[in-house]
C-alpha atoms as a PDB file:
ATOM      1  CA  MET A   1     101.927 202.638  -3.947  1.00  0.00           C
ATOM      2  CA  ARG A   2      99.000 203.527  -2.064  1.00  0.00           C
ATOM      3  CA  LEU A   3      98.197 201.375   1.016  1.00  0.00           C
ATOM      4  CA  PRO A   4      94.721 200.387   1.813  1.00  0.00           C
ATOM      5  CA  SER A   5      92.976 202.524   4.809  1.00  0.00           C
ATOM      6  CA  LEU A   6      92.687 201.007   8.100  1.00  0.00           C
ATOM      7  CA  SER A   7      88.779 200.675   7.718  1.00  0.00           C
ATOM      8  CA  ALA A   8      89.198 198.577   4.307  1.00  0.00           C
ATOM      9  CA  VAL A   9      91.555 196.313   6.131  1.00  0.00           C
ATOM     10  CA  CYS A  10      89.177 195.858   9.239  1.00  0.00           C
ATOM     11  CA  GLY A  11      86.348 195.295   6.861  1.00  0.00           C
ATOM     12  CA  VAL A  12      88.274 192.626   4.977  1.00  0.00           C
ATOM     13  CA  ALA A  13      89.256 191.014   8.310  1.00  0.00           C
ATOM     14  CA  LEU A  14      85.460 191.044   9.460  1.00  0.00           C
ATOM     15  CA  SER A  15      84.351 189.409   6.351  1.00  0.00           C
ATOM     16  CA  VAL A  16      86.997 186.626   6.732  1.00  0.00           C
ATOM     17  CA  VAL A  17      85.969 186.111  10.130  1.00  0.00           C
ATOM     18  CA  THR A  18      82.266 186.112   9.384  1.00  0.00           C
ATOM     19  CA  TYR A  19      82.957 183.689   6.571  1.00  0.00           C
ATOM     20  CA  LEU A  20      85.118 181.216   8.967  1.00  0.00           C
ATOM     21  CA  VAL A  21      82.425 181.418  11.666  1.00  0.00           C
ATOM     22  CA  PHE A  22      79.593 180.435   9.096  1.00  0.00           C
ATOM     23  CA  GLN A  23      81.690 177.634   7.776  1.00  0.00           C
ATOM     24  CA  VAL A  24      82.472 176.225  11.171  1.00  0.00           C
ATOM     25  CA  SER A  25      78.803 176.363  12.141  1.00  0.00           C
ATOM     26  CA  HIS A  26      77.761 174.706   9.018  1.00  0.00           C
ATOM     27  CA  ALA A  27      80.063 171.980   9.399  1.00  0.00           C
ATOM     28  CA  ALA A  28      78.956 171.448  12.870  1.00  0.00           C
ATOM     29  CA  LEU A  29      75.450 171.237  11.939  1.00  0.00           C
ATOM     30  CA  ALA A  30      76.363 169.099   8.743  1.00  0.00           C
ATOM     31  CA  ALA A  31      78.059 166.805  11.321  1.00  0.00           C
ATOM     32  CA  ASP A  32      75.201 166.470  13.745  1.00  0.00           C
ATOM     33  CA  PRO A  33      72.001 167.549  11.868  1.00  0.00           C
ATOM     34  CA  GLN A  34      69.730 166.026  14.331  1.00  0.00           C
ATOM     35  CA  ALA A  35      70.922 168.146  16.878  1.00  0.00           C
ATOM     36  CA  ARG A  36      69.105 171.083  15.438  1.00  0.00           C
ATOM     37  CA  ALA A  37      66.563 169.269  13.493  1.00  0.00           C
ATOM     38  CA  PRO A  38      62.943 170.386  14.410  1.00  0.00           C
ATOM     39  CA  ILE A  39      61.221 167.992  16.762  1.00  0.00           C
ATOM     40  CA  ALA A  40      58.760 165.705  14.960  1.00  0.00           C
ATOM     41  CA  GLU A  41      55.898 163.922  16.535  1.00  0.00           C
ATOM     42  CA  ALA A  42      57.122 160.607  15.641  1.00  0.00           C
ATOM     43  CA  GLU A  43      60.268 161.330  17.923  1.00  0.00           C
ATOM     44  CA  VAL A  44      58.067 162.348  20.805  1.00  0.00           C
ATOM     45  CA  ASN A  45      55.987 159.145  20.307  1.00  0.00           C
ATOM     46  CA  ALA A  46      59.308 157.085  20.235  1.00  0.00           C
ATOM     47  CA  ALA A  47      60.658 158.587  23.314  1.00  0.00           C
ATOM     48  CA  GLN A  48      57.466 157.956  25.301  1.00  0.00           C
ATOM     49  CA  GLN A  49      57.565 154.289  24.003  1.00  0.00           C
ATOM     50  CA  ALA A  50      61.097 153.995  25.139  1.00  0.00           C
ATOM     51  CA  TRP A  51      60.054 155.031  28.525  1.00  0.00           C
ATOM     52  CA  CYS A  52      57.423 152.410  28.605  1.00  0.00           C
ATOM     53  CA  ASP A  53      59.798 149.652  27.333  1.00  0.00           C
ATOM     54  CA  GLY A  54      62.357 150.738  29.845  1.00  0.00           C
ATOM     55  CA  LEU A  55      60.268 150.241  32.820  1.00  0.00           C
ATOM     56  CA  VAL A  56      59.247 146.740  31.612  1.00  0.00           C
ATOM     57  CA  ARG A  57      62.963 146.036  31.025  1.00  0.00           C
ATOM     58  CA  ILE A  58      64.071 147.204  34.478  1.00  0.00           C
ATOM     59  CA  SER A  59      61.312 144.760  36.004  1.00  0.00           C
ATOM     60  CA  ARG A  60      62.190 141.853  33.800  1.00  0.00           C
ATOM     61  CA  VAL A  61      65.839 141.977  34.529  1.00  0.00           C
ATOM     62  CA  HIS A  62      64.955 142.266  38.360  1.00  0.00           C
ATOM     63  CA  LYS A  63      62.644 139.171  37.977  1.00  0.00           C
ATOM     64  CA  GLU A  64      65.259 137.138  36.294  1.00  0.00           C
ATOM     65  CA  GLY A  65      67.785 138.109  38.726  1.00  0.00           C
ATOM     66  CA  GLY A  66      70.055 140.325  36.589  1.00  0.00           C
ATOM     67  CA  ASP A  67      71.711 143.587  37.470  1.00  0.00           C
ATOM     68  CA  TYR A  68      68.570 145.506  37.387  1.00  0.00           C
ATOM     69  CA  LYS A  69      70.369 148.656  39.168  1.00  0.00           C
ATOM     70  CA  ALA A  70      72.661 148.972  36.265  1.00  0.00           C
ATOM     71  CA  VAL A  71      69.726 148.773  33.719  1.00  0.00           C
ATOM     72  CA  ALA A  72      67.789 151.283  35.580  1.00  0.00           C
ATOM     73  CA  GLY A  73      70.540 153.737  35.805  1.00  0.00           C
ATOM     74  CA  GLN A  74      71.095 153.444  31.946  1.00  0.00           C
ATOM     75  CA  VAL A  75      67.260 153.897  31.417  1.00  0.00           C
ATOM     76  CA  ILE A  76      67.485 157.034  33.375  1.00  0.00           C
ATOM     77  CA  ASP A  77      70.505 158.284  31.523  1.00  0.00           C
ATOM     78  CA  ASP A  78      69.010 157.520  28.192  1.00  0.00           C
ATOM     79  CA  LEU A  79      65.470 159.005  29.030  1.00  0.00           C
ATOM     80  CA  TYR A  80      66.029 161.852  31.769  1.00  0.00           C
ATOM     81  CA  ASP A  81      68.005 165.010  31.225  1.00  0.00           C
ATOM     82  CA  TYR A  82      69.957 164.948  34.675  1.00  0.00           C
ATOM     83  CA  LYS A  83      73.210 165.006  32.922  1.00  0.00           C
ATOM     84  CA  GLU A  84      72.878 168.116  30.779  1.00  0.00           C
ATOM     85  CA  GLY A  85      69.968 170.086  32.426  1.00  0.00           C
ATOM     86  CA  ARG A  86      67.691 170.114  35.110  1.00  0.00           C
ATOM     87  CA  VAL A  87      64.677 167.759  35.617  1.00  0.00           C
ATOM     88  CA  PHE A  88      61.335 168.331  37.240  1.00  0.00           C
ATOM     89  CA  PHE A  89      60.125 164.827  38.369  1.00  0.00           C
ATOM     90  CA  LYS A  90      56.923 164.242  40.262  1.00  0.00           C
ATOM     91  CA  PRO A  91      56.606 160.416  40.262  1.00  0.00           C
ATOM     92  CA  THR A  92      53.095 158.985  40.995  1.00  0.00           C
ATOM     93  CA  LEU A  93      53.801 157.441  44.324  1.00  0.00           C
ATOM     94  CA  ALA A  94      56.167 159.796  45.918  1.00  0.00           C
ATOM     95  CA  THR A  95      55.103 161.826  49.044  1.00  0.00           C
ATOM     96  CA  GLY A  96      56.440 164.075  51.842  1.00  0.00           C
ATOM     97  CA  LYS A  97      59.698 165.767  51.671  1.00  0.00           C
ATOM     98  CA  ASN A  98      60.768 163.486  48.782  1.00  0.00           C
ATOM     99  CA  THR A  99      57.743 164.170  46.541  1.00  0.00           C
ATOM    100  CA  PHE A 100      59.878 165.680  43.830  1.00  0.00           C
ATOM    101  CA  ARG A 101      62.956 164.076  42.556  1.00  0.00           C
ATOM    102  CA  PRO A 102      65.295 166.911  40.867  1.00  0.00           C
ATOM    103  CA  THR A 103      68.378 164.742  41.083  1.00  0.00           C
ATOM    104  CA  ARG A 104      69.203 161.302  39.407  1.00  0.00           C
ATOM    105  CA  GLU A 105      69.898 159.710  42.821  1.00  0.00           C
ATOM    106  CA  GLY A 106      66.199 160.353  43.722  1.00  0.00           C
ATOM    107  CA  ALA A 107      64.800 159.109  40.267  1.00  0.00           C
ATOM    108  CA  LEU A 108      66.687 155.897  40.720  1.00  0.00           C
ATOM    109  CA  SER A 109      65.625 155.358  44.086  1.00  0.00           C
ATOM    110  CA  TYR A 110      62.050 155.972  42.976  1.00  0.00           C
ATOM    111  CA  PHE A 111      62.349 153.279  40.431  1.00  0.00           C
ATOM    112  CA  ILE A 112      64.382 150.543  42.014  1.00  0.00           C
ATOM    113  CA  GLY A 113      64.369 151.582  45.892  1.00  0.00           C
ATOM    114  CA  GLY A 114      67.173 150.702  48.307  1.00  0.00           C
ATOM    115  CA  ASN A 115      68.281 154.229  49.133  1.00  0.00           C
ATOM    116  CA  THR A 116      68.272 155.262  52.863  1.00  0.00           C
ATOM    117  CA  ASN A 117      67.841 158.864  51.660  1.00  0.00           C
ATOM    118  CA  PHE A 118      64.516 157.818  50.423  1.00  0.00           C
ATOM    119  CA  PRO A 119      63.342 155.203  52.827  1.00  0.00           C
ATOM    120  CA  GLU A 120      59.740 155.213  51.549  1.00  0.00           C
ATOM    121  CA  ASP A 121      60.654 153.887  48.047  1.00  0.00           C
ATOM    122  CA  THR A 122      59.943 150.353  47.490  1.00  0.00           C
ATOM    123  CA  GLY A 123      60.750 150.332  43.593  1.00  0.00           C
ATOM    124  CA  PHE A 124      58.330 151.298  41.252  1.00  0.00           C
ATOM    125  CA  ALA A 125      59.957 149.570  38.451  1.00  0.00           C
ATOM    126  CA  LEU A 126      60.243 146.416  40.521  1.00  0.00           C
ATOM    127  CA  LYS A 127      56.495 145.516  40.635  1.00  0.00           C
ATOM    128  CA  ASP A 128      56.648 142.949  37.993  1.00  0.00           C
ATOM    129  CA  TRP A 129      55.481 144.967  35.010  1.00  0.00           C
ATOM    130  CA  VAL A 130      55.013 143.061  32.059  1.00  0.00           C
ATOM    131  CA  LYS A 131      53.352 145.474  29.772  1.00  0.00           C
ATOM    132  CA  VAL A 132      53.430 149.327  29.716  1.00  0.00           C
ATOM    133  CA  LYS A 133      51.542 151.464  27.020  1.00  0.00           C
ATOM    134  CA  TYR A 134      50.781 155.303  26.652  1.00  0.00           C
ATOM    135  CA  ASP A 135      48.316 157.573  25.159  1.00  0.00           C
ATOM    136  CA  ASN A 136      48.289 161.147  24.333  1.00  0.00           C
ATOM    137  CA  ASN A 137      44.605 162.343  24.831  1.00  0.00           C
ATOM    138  CA  ALA A 138      44.694 165.754  26.317  1.00  0.00           C
ATOM    139  CA  ALA A 139      43.869 167.045  23.002  1.00  0.00           C
ATOM    140  CA  GLU A 140      43.371 165.757  19.346  1.00  0.00           C
ATOM    141  CA  ASN A 141      46.798 164.257  19.489  1.00  0.00           C
ATOM    142  CA  GLY A 142      48.059 165.437  23.020  1.00  0.00           C
ATOM    143  CA  ILE A 143      51.457 166.683  21.902  1.00  0.00           C
ATOM    144  CA  GLN A 144      52.723 170.156  21.607  1.00  0.00           C
ATOM    145  CA  ILE A 145      56.129 171.272  20.086  1.00  0.00           C
ATOM    146  CA  HIS A 146      57.820 174.431  20.854  1.00  0.00           C
ATOM    147  CA  GLY A 147      61.258 174.538  19.321  1.00  0.00           C
ATOM    148  CA  ASP A 148      63.441 172.276  21.222  1.00  0.00           C
ATOM    149  CA  ILE A 149      60.854 171.301  23.628  1.00  0.00           C
ATOM    150  CA  ALA A 150      57.854 168.775  23.248  1.00  0.00           C
ATOM    151  CA  VAL A 151      55.004 168.537  25.832  1.00  0.00           C
ATOM    152  CA  THR A 152      52.631 165.436  26.041  1.00  0.00           C
ATOM    153  CA  MET A 153      49.728 164.744  28.271  1.00  0.00           C
ATOM    154  CA  GLY A 154      47.664 161.449  28.553  1.00  0.00           C
ATOM    155  CA  ASN A 155      47.633 158.395  30.290  1.00  0.00           C
ATOM    156  CA  VAL A 156      50.002 155.661  30.743  1.00  0.00           C
ATOM    157  CA  TYR A 157      48.631 151.932  31.415  1.00  0.00           C
ATOM    158  CA  LEU A 158      50.754 149.530  33.334  1.00  0.00           C
ATOM    159  CA  THR A 159      49.978 145.718  33.478  1.00  0.00           C
ATOM    160  CA  ASN A 160      51.577 143.346  35.993  1.00  0.00           C
ATOM    161  CA  ALA A 161      52.246 139.513  35.501  1.00  0.00           C
ATOM    162  CA  LYS A 162      48.974 138.891  37.210  1.00  0.00           C
ATOM    163  CA  GLY A 163      46.932 140.778  34.436  1.00  0.00           C
ATOM    164  CA  ASP A 164      45.986 143.800  36.830  1.00  0.00           C
ATOM    165  CA  GLU A 165      46.190 147.140  34.881  1.00  0.00           C
ATOM    166  CA  VAL A 166      46.991 150.530  36.577  1.00  0.00           C
ATOM    167  CA  MET A 167      46.225 153.722  34.793  1.00  0.00           C
ATOM    168  CA  VAL A 168      47.990 156.760  35.742  1.00  0.00           C
ATOM    169  CA  ASP A 169      47.687 160.565  34.407  1.00  0.00           C
ATOM    170  CA  LYS A 170      51.036 161.622  32.888  1.00  0.00           C
ATOM    171  CA  THR A 171      52.538 165.007  31.745  1.00  0.00           C
ATOM    172  CA  PHE A 172      55.889 164.488  29.917  1.00  0.00           C
ATOM    173  CA  VAL A 173      58.119 167.378  28.793  1.00  0.00           C
ATOM    174  CA  PHE A 174      60.953 166.627  26.431  1.00  0.00           C
ATOM    175  CA  ARG A 175      63.896 168.602  25.410  1.00  0.00           C
ATOM    176  CA  ARG A 176      66.482 167.911  22.755  1.00  0.00           C
ATOM    177  CA  GLY A 177      69.895 167.523  23.996  1.00  0.00           C
ATOM    178  CA  ALA A 178      73.265 168.438  22.428  1.00  0.00           C
ATOM    179  CA  ASP A 179      73.222 164.874  21.100  1.00  0.00           C
ATOM    180  CA  GLY A 180      70.111 165.381  19.080  1.00  0.00           C
ATOM    181  CA  LYS A 181      68.186 163.070  21.424  1.00  0.00           C
ATOM    182  CA  LEU A 182      64.982 163.759  23.322  1.00  0.00           C
ATOM    183  CA  ARG A 183      65.024 163.454  27.039  1.00  0.00           C
ATOM    184  CA  LEU A 184      62.657 164.280  29.766  1.00  0.00           C
ATOM    185  CA  CYS A 185      63.169 167.539  31.553  1.00  0.00           C
ATOM    186  CA  ALA A 186      59.763 167.433  33.395  1.00  0.00           C
ATOM    187  CA  HIS A 187      57.727 164.338  34.130  1.00  0.00           C
ATOM    188  CA  LYS A 188      54.619 164.454  36.390  1.00  0.00           C
ATOM    189  CA  SER A 189      52.223 161.400  37.074  1.00  0.00           C
ATOM    190  CA  ALA A 190      49.479 160.695  39.206  1.00  0.00           C
ATOM    191  CA  LEU A 191      46.738 158.472  39.960  1.00  0.00           C
ATOM    192  CA  PRO A 192      43.431 159.662  38.539  1.00  0.00           C
ATOM    193  CA  TYR A 193      41.241 161.898  40.797  1.00  0.00           C
ATOM    194  CA  GLN A 194      38.681 159.617  42.661  1.00  0.00           C
ATOM    195  CA  PRO A 195      35.812 161.930  43.923  1.00  0.00           C
ATOM    196  CA  ALA A 196      34.410 161.271  47.499  1.00  0.00           C
ATOM    197  CA  LYS A 197      31.182 159.251  47.558  1.00  0.00           C
END
């Protein structure tokens, strides 16, 4: 009886390994198809709406005397990519050495204040916001999608309980996380430029 050659045995082994890797990869994608699905514009809009709703929720819970700190922490974990990646966050009213907020601690302080490492923060989310909406008006639809990254540019409109509305310019960049959810990996907002008179 003639034994198969070493190259034939290696070829069969390689085929088996390739087949098993394919099956495991296919099973992982089947178990979580959202994790690798292309980003859709509807998801980007839903993520932006979630940001608007989160800001209003923090403000409402604060006004009602609830645990707004826990709510703010959950909003940040749901909407920003601090746990899995890096976040470039330049809030509207941040200045000086704390202009940029690359850490969750800095983002939380911006939204609710009370952190001695960020003494200038008064809590942007605690300003009695009752309505927040957005638009994507940098181009026809203001959204660009590139693989697992989506970029939006436009404005956010914030209305407080007195009915005063503030408009800020925003650029949001979302990344699809391992759980399939879109989270902000970059967020820059600023008050519109006012030319000198």
